[in-house]
Amino acid sequence: MISQLGRYEVLGELGQGAMGIVYKAKDPLIDRVVAIKTINLGLALDEKEEYEGRFYQEAKAAGRLNHPNIVTIYDVGKSGDVAYIAMEFLQGRELRDIMNDSGLLPVDQVLDIVAQVAQGLAYAHEHDIVHRDVKPSNIMVVRDGHAKITDFGIARMASSAVRTQTGMVLGSPKYMSPEQVMGKAIDQRSDIFSLGVMLYEMLTGQAPFNGENVNAIMYQTLNAVPAPPSTLNSAVPEMANFIVAKALAKKLDDRYQNAKDFAVDLRACRDTLPRSGKQIDVSPAGGEKKLPDAIDISGRRNMDEEEAKPAAGLSQTFDSAAATMRLAALTGTSEDVDELAKTLKIERPSAEAISQAAPAARAPRSASPAASRPAAHQSPTEPMARSGGSNLMLIAVVILVLLGIAAILVA
């Protein structure tokens, strides 16, 4: 790994970008950590000219943009056969990784993220810049669900000297617009279509246009009309169906004409939904990661919060996961015990441990479903278990006395 790029001290490798390696580095002049995107220019002469032109095009395009939902470009340079762009270092995760790890996010979060991307694209479009490759892997999510668009590497500017050859495919086939597939001239509405594809995938868990190969996907993009998202995810409101349909319209005139209107409709739809209140896990790969519950959409609370609250009335000797498991093994079914073991994240107690716990914690079995549940929700104590026989004897004596009094009164 290289140790220096221009004045930047390389700290480590972040991954592979669209055109080269991405490094984490430090700018010693202002003591700032940055991300540096590189491409190797040691190519054949004809390839070198095209790639270098496109690389500097990215720097020129993105460097003109200053928006909260677009990654900030600081500097551009060249070191030997390596050209580089120094940009904002984002402590977060690619949207693609979040989708892969989390499955379906809550609908309100999906609408919020896509609306942010639409706002960033609207700003870029106002500056005559079309991204051309909108997809989840080019969106970073940082703290508080804030989204930023990255990689304007194949963006087209109206004044750019680097032109795309007719019919040349640039972009990811699954997210390409019909006009991109056909090799036609494109404008901001192509980005809107690509964002619509991303929205559909986030709402349903599957892409609207699929196929076994690139040609099949392109055919679907040109001809297929995907099912409404609500048919695949019942949590999607009807209004979202119309928004998706308009974003994915084949004809340019039927599509959203600008990304700003797209963002307005997305936020209006989001405002009709209850807030999920969940936080997206944006811990960088290799760093400290939160529990999966942080992005759980099942409505459960974080298990750490539940376990932190001790059950009322339990003695200190009993109020532990191990004691609960031993009692569950005595009173519950095998399936209940397995489920409780998963919940408490501990192993099932051994037969020896169960036999040792039996004298102090044995409870009567019952055939009813309520009685066969794990004892984690019950609150017996060890003194109560030991005095159970005396209590039963006392109750029996009281009943006999009461029966005797009732017989005398009747007579």
Protein backbone atom coordinates (compact mmCIF):
# COMPACT_ATOMS: atom_id res chain seq x y z
CA MET A 1 0.00 0.00 0.00
CA ILE A 2 1.25 3.48 -0.83
CA SER A 3 2.04 5.78 2.08
CA GLN A 4 1.81 9.20 0.44
CA LEU A 5 -0.35 10.87 -2.20
CA GLY A 6 0.73 14.43 -2.81
CA ARG A 7 0.74 16.09 0.60
CA TYR A 8 -1.68 13.50 2.05
CA GLU A 9 -0.51 10.80 4.46
CA VAL A 10 -2.29 7.54 3.64
CA LEU A 11 -3.67 5.88 6.80
CA GLY A 12 -5.35 2.82 5.31
CA GLU A 13 -7.45 1.38 2.52
CA LEU A 14 -11.22 1.88 2.61
CA GLY A 15 -12.11 -0.24 -0.41
CA GLN A 16 -12.42 -0.36 -4.17
CA GLY A 17 -14.21 2.47 -5.93
CA ALA A 18 -15.71 2.62 -9.40
CA MET A 19 -12.38 3.56 -10.96
CA GLY A 20 -9.72 2.70 -8.38
CA ILE A 21 -8.79 2.28 -4.73
CA VAL A 22 -10.23 4.53 -2.04
CA TYR A 23 -7.93 5.41 0.86
CA LYS A 24 -8.34 6.98 4.27
CA ALA A 25 -5.73 9.74 4.60
CA LYS A 26 -4.73 12.78 6.62
CA ASP A 27 -4.17 16.31 5.38
CA PRO A 28 -1.24 17.52 7.54
CA LEU A 29 -1.80 21.18 6.68
CA ILE A 30 -5.09 21.40 8.52
CA ASP A 31 -5.00 18.11 10.44
CA ARG A 32 -8.13 16.78 8.69
CA VAL A 33 -8.98 13.18 7.85
CA VAL A 34 -10.14 12.75 4.26
CA ALA A 35 -11.11 10.01 1.83
CA ILE A 36 -8.95 9.84 -1.28
CA LYS A 37 -10.25 8.27 -4.44
CA THR A 38 -7.66 7.21 -7.00
CA ILE A 39 -7.28 5.79 -10.48
CA ASN A 40 -4.16 4.28 -11.96
CA LEU A 41 -3.27 6.14 -15.16
CA GLY A 42 -0.69 3.55 -16.21
CA LEU A 43 -2.93 2.33 -19.03
CA ALA A 44 -2.70 2.15 -22.79
CA LEU A 45 -2.59 5.63 -24.35
CA ASP A 46 -6.13 5.56 -25.75
CA GLU A 47 -7.59 4.26 -22.46
CA LYS A 48 -5.51 6.66 -20.38
CA GLU A 49 -6.87 9.72 -22.14
CA GLU A 50 -10.49 8.65 -21.65
CA TYR A 51 -10.13 7.59 -18.02
CA GLU A 52 -8.09 10.62 -17.02
CA GLY A 53 -10.58 12.91 -18.71
CA ARG A 54 -13.49 11.25 -16.95
CA PHE A 55 -11.66 11.34 -13.62
CA TYR A 56 -11.02 15.08 -13.74
CA GLN A 57 -14.57 15.53 -14.96
CA GLU A 58 -15.74 14.02 -11.69
CA ALA A 59 -13.59 16.42 -9.70
CA LYS A 60 -14.82 19.40 -11.69
CA ALA A 61 -18.47 18.32 -11.48
CA ALA A 62 -18.62 17.37 -7.82
CA GLY A 63 -16.31 20.21 -6.77
CA ARG A 64 -18.91 22.71 -7.96
CA LEU A 65 -21.57 21.21 -5.74
CA ASN A 66 -22.11 22.35 -2.17
CA HIS A 67 -25.15 20.62 -0.68
CA PRO A 68 -25.84 18.72 2.57
CA ASN A 69 -26.83 15.60 0.62
CA ILE A 70 -23.75 15.51 -1.66
CA VAL A 71 -20.25 14.49 -0.59
CA THR A 72 -17.88 17.48 -0.42
CA ILE A 73 -14.80 17.55 -2.69
CA TYR A 74 -11.72 19.26 -1.22
CA ASP A 75 -8.88 18.80 -3.69
CA VAL A 76 -7.66 17.06 -6.84
CA GLY A 77 -4.13 16.10 -7.81
CA LYS A 78 -1.77 13.67 -9.49
CA SER A 79 1.13 11.63 -8.10
CA GLY A 80 3.08 9.76 -10.76
CA ASP A 81 0.65 7.53 -12.64
CA VAL A 82 -1.99 7.92 -9.91
CA ALA A 83 -4.60 10.69 -10.08
CA TYR A 84 -6.59 11.37 -6.94
CA ILE A 85 -9.50 13.33 -5.47
CA ALA A 86 -9.52 14.27 -1.78
CA MET A 87 -13.04 14.37 -0.42
CA GLU A 88 -15.06 14.42 2.77
CA PHE A 89 -14.46 11.36 4.95
CA LEU A 90 -17.88 9.97 5.85
CA GLN A 91 -18.29 7.88 9.00
CA GLY A 92 -21.19 5.78 7.90
CA ARG A 93 -22.18 2.92 5.61
CA GLU A 94 -23.20 2.43 2.02
CA LEU A 95 -26.93 2.14 1.61
CA ARG A 96 -26.37 -1.15 -0.23
CA ASP A 97 -24.70 -2.68 2.84
CA ILE A 98 -27.52 -1.48 5.08
CA MET A 99 -30.12 -3.01 2.75
CA ASN A 100 -28.22 -6.29 2.58
CA ASP A 101 -27.86 -6.53 6.37
CA SER A 102 -31.27 -5.21 7.39
CA GLY A 103 -33.73 -6.43 4.81
CA LEU A 104 -36.73 -4.12 4.55
CA LEU A 105 -36.36 -0.86 6.44
CA PRO A 106 -39.45 0.87 7.88
CA VAL A 107 -41.34 2.64 5.08
CA ASP A 108 -41.01 6.08 6.69
CA GLN A 109 -37.22 5.69 6.77
CA VAL A 110 -37.14 4.57 3.14
CA LEU A 111 -39.14 7.60 2.05
CA ASP A 112 -36.94 9.92 4.10
CA ILE A 113 -33.67 8.58 2.66
CA VAL A 114 -34.91 8.67 -0.94
CA ALA A 115 -36.29 12.19 -0.44
CA GLN A 116 -32.85 13.35 0.73
CA VAL A 117 -31.24 11.82 -2.35
CA ALA A 118 -33.85 13.51 -4.54
CA GLN A 119 -33.03 16.86 -2.95
CA GLY A 120 -29.32 16.37 -3.59
CA LEU A 121 -30.00 15.41 -7.21
CA ALA A 122 -32.28 18.42 -7.66
CA TYR A 123 -29.41 20.68 -6.61
CA ALA A 124 -26.99 18.93 -9.00
CA HIS A 125 -29.50 19.16 -11.85
CA GLU A 126 -29.87 22.89 -11.24
CA HIS A 127 -26.12 23.11 -11.92
CA ASP A 128 -26.47 21.14 -15.17
CA ILE A 129 -24.98 17.95 -13.73
CA VAL A 130 -26.59 14.55 -14.27
CA HIS A 131 -25.23 11.78 -12.05
CA ARG A 132 -25.95 8.90 -14.47
CA ASP A 133 -25.33 6.13 -11.92
CA VAL A 134 -27.79 6.53 -9.04
CA LYS A 135 -27.87 3.31 -7.02
CA PRO A 136 -27.63 2.19 -3.35
CA SER A 137 -23.86 1.66 -3.47
CA ASN A 138 -23.42 5.33 -4.42
CA ILE A 139 -25.39 6.55 -1.39
CA MET A 140 -23.78 6.85 2.03
CA VAL A 141 -25.87 7.00 5.21
CA VAL A 142 -24.25 8.68 8.19
CA ARG A 143 -25.50 9.55 11.68
CA ASP A 144 -29.20 10.26 12.23
CA GLY A 145 -30.07 8.73 8.86
CA HIS A 146 -28.45 11.56 6.89
CA ALA A 147 -27.90 10.54 3.24
CA LYS A 148 -25.13 11.75 0.93
CA ILE A 149 -24.66 11.06 -2.78
CA THR A 150 -21.18 9.96 -3.83
CA ASP A 151 -19.34 9.15 -7.06
CA PHE A 152 -20.14 11.61 -9.78
CA GLY A 153 -17.48 9.73 -11.75
CA ILE A 154 -19.60 9.36 -14.88
CA ALA A 155 -21.62 12.53 -14.48
CA ARG A 156 -22.30 14.50 -17.62
CA MET A 157 -22.03 18.29 -17.67
CA ALA A 158 -23.40 20.35 -20.51
CA SER A 159 -20.00 21.99 -20.93
CA SER A 160 -17.94 18.81 -20.55
CA ALA A 161 -15.31 18.01 -23.10
CA VAL A 162 -15.61 14.29 -22.35
CA ARG A 163 -18.52 12.91 -24.33
CA THR A 164 -20.12 9.49 -24.08
CA GLN A 165 -20.05 7.60 -27.35
CA THR A 166 -23.45 6.81 -28.87
CA GLY A 167 -24.70 3.50 -27.54
CA MET A 168 -21.91 3.22 -24.95
CA VAL A 169 -23.29 1.85 -21.69
CA LEU A 170 -22.29 3.76 -18.56
CA GLY A 171 -24.04 2.92 -15.32
CA SER A 172 -25.48 -0.16 -13.61
CA PRO A 173 -27.94 -2.06 -15.87
CA LYS A 174 -30.44 -2.76 -13.06
CA TYR A 175 -30.86 0.98 -12.37
CA MET A 176 -30.58 2.36 -15.90
CA SER A 177 -33.36 4.40 -17.48
CA PRO A 178 -34.97 3.36 -20.79
CA GLU A 179 -33.18 6.19 -22.59
CA GLN A 180 -29.84 5.00 -21.18
CA VAL A 181 -30.56 1.46 -22.37
CA MET A 182 -31.28 2.75 -25.87
CA GLY A 183 -28.15 4.93 -25.93
CA LYS A 184 -30.14 8.15 -26.33
CA ALA A 185 -29.27 11.57 -24.97
CA ILE A 186 -30.28 11.85 -21.32
CA ASP A 187 -31.18 14.59 -18.87
CA GLN A 188 -32.14 14.86 -15.20
CA ARG A 189 -35.19 12.63 -15.72
CA SER A 190 -32.85 9.66 -16.19
CA ASP A 191 -31.58 10.13 -12.62
CA ILE A 192 -35.20 10.29 -11.45
CA PHE A 193 -35.93 6.93 -13.08
CA SER A 194 -32.85 5.37 -11.47
CA LEU A 195 -33.89 6.75 -8.08
CA GLY A 196 -37.35 5.30 -8.67
CA VAL A 197 -35.78 1.87 -9.21
CA MET A 198 -33.88 2.28 -5.94
CA LEU A 199 -37.07 3.35 -4.14
CA TYR A 200 -38.93 0.30 -5.45
CA GLU A 201 -36.16 -2.03 -4.29
CA MET A 202 -36.05 -0.46 -0.82
CA LEU A 203 -39.83 -0.75 -0.40
CA THR A 204 -40.18 -4.33 -1.66
CA GLY A 205 -36.81 -6.02 -1.26
CA GLN A 206 -36.55 -6.76 -4.98
CA ALA A 207 -35.66 -4.82 -8.12
CA PRO A 208 -38.52 -3.86 -10.47
CA PHE A 209 -36.59 -5.14 -13.51
CA ASN A 210 -34.81 -8.48 -13.28
CA GLY A 211 -33.28 -10.97 -15.67
CA GLU A 212 -30.67 -13.67 -16.03
CA ASN A 213 -28.33 -11.36 -17.94
CA VAL A 214 -27.85 -7.73 -18.93
CA ASN A 215 -29.92 -8.08 -22.10
CA ALA A 216 -32.85 -9.54 -20.17
CA ILE A 217 -32.71 -6.71 -17.64
CA MET A 218 -32.62 -4.12 -20.41
CA TYR A 219 -35.60 -5.74 -22.10
CA GLN A 220 -37.54 -5.60 -18.83
CA THR A 221 -36.59 -1.95 -18.36
CA LEU A 222 -37.97 -1.09 -21.79
CA ASN A 223 -41.12 -3.22 -21.71
CA ALA A 224 -42.16 -4.46 -18.25
CA VAL A 225 -44.45 -2.64 -15.82
CA PRO A 226 -43.60 -3.76 -12.25
CA ALA A 227 -46.32 -4.68 -9.76
CA PRO A 228 -47.29 -1.93 -7.27
CA PRO A 229 -44.99 -2.03 -4.23
CA SER A 230 -47.93 -2.51 -1.85
CA THR A 231 -48.64 -5.91 -3.39
CA LEU A 232 -45.22 -7.05 -2.16
CA ASN A 233 -45.15 -5.10 1.12
CA SER A 234 -48.46 -4.41 2.85
CA ALA A 235 -46.89 -1.57 4.87
CA VAL A 236 -46.52 0.54 1.71
CA PRO A 237 -49.33 3.14 1.43
CA GLU A 238 -51.30 3.65 -1.78
CA MET A 239 -49.78 7.09 -2.26
CA ALA A 240 -46.32 5.50 -2.54
CA ASN A 241 -47.61 3.28 -5.37
CA PHE A 242 -48.45 6.38 -7.42
CA ILE A 243 -45.11 8.04 -6.63
CA VAL A 244 -43.20 4.96 -7.78
CA ALA A 245 -45.30 4.60 -10.92
CA LYS A 246 -44.63 8.22 -11.88
CA ALA A 247 -40.88 7.91 -11.24
CA LEU A 248 -40.71 4.72 -13.34
CA ALA A 249 -42.77 5.98 -16.27
CA LYS A 250 -41.26 4.82 -19.58
CA LYS A 251 -42.14 8.03 -21.40
CA LEU A 252 -40.16 11.08 -20.33
CA ASP A 253 -43.21 13.34 -20.36
CA ASP A 254 -45.08 11.03 -17.97
CA ARG A 255 -42.22 10.98 -15.47
CA TYR A 256 -41.38 13.53 -12.76
CA GLN A 257 -39.89 16.47 -14.64
CA ASN A 258 -37.59 17.47 -11.79
CA ALA A 259 -36.23 15.83 -8.67
CA LYS A 260 -37.53 18.61 -6.42
CA ASP A 261 -41.15 17.62 -7.12
CA PHE A 262 -40.19 14.00 -6.50
CA ALA A 263 -38.77 14.94 -3.09
CA VAL A 264 -41.87 16.97 -2.17
CA ASP A 265 -44.19 14.03 -2.89
CA LEU A 266 -41.96 11.62 -0.96
CA ARG A 267 -42.00 13.84 2.13
CA ALA A 268 -45.76 14.35 1.87
CA CYS A 269 -46.22 10.58 1.79
CA ARG A 270 -43.85 10.10 4.72
CA ASP A 271 -45.78 12.66 6.78
CA THR A 272 -48.91 10.51 6.51
CA LEU A 273 -47.16 7.60 8.25
CA PRO A 274 -46.35 7.07 11.94
CA ARG A 275 -42.66 7.38 12.72
CA SER A 276 -40.94 4.07 13.39
CA GLY A 277 -38.49 5.61 15.85
CA LYS A 278 -35.79 3.12 14.85
CA GLN A 279 -32.17 4.12 14.30
CA ILE A 280 -30.21 2.80 11.33
CA ASP A 281 -26.91 1.15 12.21
CA VAL A 282 -24.28 3.16 10.34
CA SER A 283 -21.23 1.75 12.12
CA PRO A 284 -18.41 1.55 9.55
CA ALA A 285 -17.25 -1.93 8.51
CA GLY A 286 -14.67 -3.23 10.97
CA GLY A 287 -15.73 -0.80 13.67
CA GLU A 288 -17.95 -1.28 16.65
CA LYS A 289 -21.36 -2.43 15.46
CA LYS A 290 -24.69 -2.09 17.17
CA LEU A 291 -27.00 -4.99 17.80
CA PRO A 292 -29.30 -5.97 14.93
CA ASP A 293 -32.23 -4.75 17.03
CA ALA A 294 -31.13 -1.20 16.23
CA ILE A 295 -32.73 -1.63 12.79
CA ASP A 296 -35.30 -4.27 13.67
CA ILE A 297 -38.69 -3.48 12.07
CA SER A 298 -40.72 -6.00 14.06
CA GLY A 299 -41.66 -3.44 16.71
CA ARG A 300 -39.70 -5.14 19.53
CA ARG A 301 -37.66 -3.09 21.93
CA ASN A 302 -33.93 -3.58 22.19
CA MET A 303 -33.31 -6.69 24.30
CA ASP A 304 -30.61 -4.87 26.26
CA GLU A 305 -33.24 -2.40 27.49
CA GLU A 306 -35.60 -5.19 28.52
CA GLU A 307 -32.98 -7.20 30.36
CA ALA A 308 -31.77 -4.09 32.20
CA LYS A 309 -35.07 -3.86 34.07
CA PRO A 310 -35.18 -6.44 36.91
CA ALA A 311 -38.49 -8.19 37.55
CA ALA A 312 -40.26 -6.75 40.60
CA GLY A 313 -40.40 -8.89 43.70
CA LEU A 314 -37.67 -11.37 42.82
CA SER A 315 -34.89 -12.11 45.26
CA GLN A 316 -31.36 -11.26 44.15
CA THR A 317 -30.40 -14.95 44.13
CA PHE A 318 -33.18 -15.84 41.71
CA ASP A 319 -33.21 -12.80 39.41
CA SER A 320 -30.69 -14.01 36.84
CA ALA A 321 -30.85 -15.49 33.37
CA ALA A 322 -29.39 -18.80 34.58
CA ALA A 323 -31.99 -19.21 37.34
CA THR A 324 -34.76 -18.34 34.91
CA MET A 325 -33.53 -20.96 32.48
CA ARG A 326 -33.40 -23.64 35.21
CA LEU A 327 -36.97 -22.87 36.27
CA ALA A 328 -38.14 -22.87 32.65
CA ALA A 329 -36.55 -26.32 32.16
CA LEU A 330 -38.63 -27.60 35.09
CA THR A 331 -41.95 -26.02 34.12
CA GLY A 332 -41.94 -25.45 30.34
CA THR A 333 -41.92 -27.54 27.19
CA SER A 334 -38.74 -28.29 25.27
CA GLU A 335 -39.73 -25.80 22.57
CA ASP A 336 -40.32 -23.07 25.16
CA VAL A 337 -36.94 -23.68 26.72
CA ASP A 338 -35.20 -23.48 23.33
CA GLU A 339 -36.96 -20.21 22.55
CA LEU A 340 -36.07 -18.72 25.93
CA ALA A 341 -32.44 -19.78 25.51
CA LYS A 342 -32.30 -17.87 22.22
CA THR A 343 -33.91 -14.81 23.79
CA LEU A 344 -31.56 -14.75 26.80
CA LYS A 345 -28.61 -15.76 24.60
CA ILE A 346 -27.42 -18.52 26.94
CA GLU A 347 -27.12 -22.28 26.64
CA ARG A 348 -29.77 -24.69 27.89
CA PRO A 349 -29.04 -25.92 31.45
CA SER A 350 -27.58 -29.41 31.80
CA ALA A 351 -29.54 -32.26 33.37
CA GLU A 352 -27.35 -32.00 36.47
CA ALA A 353 -28.12 -28.29 36.89
CA ILE A 354 -31.83 -28.98 36.53
CA SER A 355 -31.78 -31.73 39.16
CA GLN A 356 -29.94 -29.43 41.60
CA ALA A 357 -32.47 -26.67 41.05
CA ALA A 358 -35.49 -28.97 41.39
CA PRO A 359 -35.85 -28.91 45.23
CA ALA A 360 -35.87 -25.13 45.37
CA ALA A 361 -37.77 -24.19 42.25
CA ARG A 362 -40.02 -27.06 41.20
CA ALA A 363 -43.52 -25.91 40.22
CA PRO A 364 -46.60 -27.97 39.28
CA ARG A 365 -46.96 -28.78 35.58
CA SER A 366 -50.14 -27.96 33.74
CA ALA A 367 -51.53 -29.02 30.39
CA SER A 368 -52.88 -25.56 29.69
CA PRO A 369 -50.90 -23.32 27.26
CA ALA A 370 -50.56 -20.56 29.86
CA ALA A 371 -49.00 -22.91 32.39
CA SER A 372 -46.50 -24.32 29.88
CA ARG A 373 -44.88 -20.96 29.10
CA PRO A 374 -41.33 -20.22 30.34
CA ALA A 375 -41.17 -19.04 33.92
CA ALA A 376 -39.34 -15.86 32.90
CA HIS A 377 -42.60 -13.95 33.38
CA GLN A 378 -43.44 -15.48 36.77
CA SER A 379 -42.21 -14.11 40.12
CA PRO A 380 -41.84 -16.91 42.68
CA THR A 381 -39.05 -16.71 45.28
CA GLU A 382 -37.08 -19.41 46.98
CA PRO A 383 -38.71 -18.82 50.42
CA MET A 384 -42.14 -19.14 48.79
CA ALA A 385 -41.13 -22.47 47.22
CA ARG A 386 -39.94 -23.83 50.57
CA SER A 387 -43.07 -22.75 52.49
CA GLY A 388 -45.54 -23.96 49.84
CA GLY A 389 -46.56 -27.08 51.86
CA SER A 390 -47.24 -25.12 55.09
CA ASN A 391 -49.42 -22.63 53.22
CA LEU A 392 -51.53 -25.42 51.70
CA MET A 393 -52.04 -27.00 55.15
CA LEU A 394 -53.16 -23.68 56.63
CA ILE A 395 -55.61 -23.06 53.77
CA ALA A 396 -57.11 -26.57 54.26
CA VAL A 397 -57.67 -25.97 58.00
CA VAL A 398 -59.37 -22.62 57.36
CA ILE A 399 -61.70 -24.20 54.79
CA LEU A 400 -62.71 -26.99 57.21
CA VAL A 401 -63.44 -24.47 59.96
CA LEU A 402 -65.57 -22.39 57.62
CA LEU A 403 -67.53 -25.48 56.49
CA GLY A 404 -68.19 -26.41 60.12
CA ILE A 405 -69.49 -22.92 60.94
CA ALA A 406 -71.72 -22.98 57.87
CA ALA A 407 -73.20 -26.38 58.87
CA ILE A 408 -74.05 -25.13 62.39
CA LEU A 409 -75.77 -22.03 61.00
CA VAL A 410 -77.87 -24.08 58.55
CA ALA A 411 -78.96 -26.44 61.33
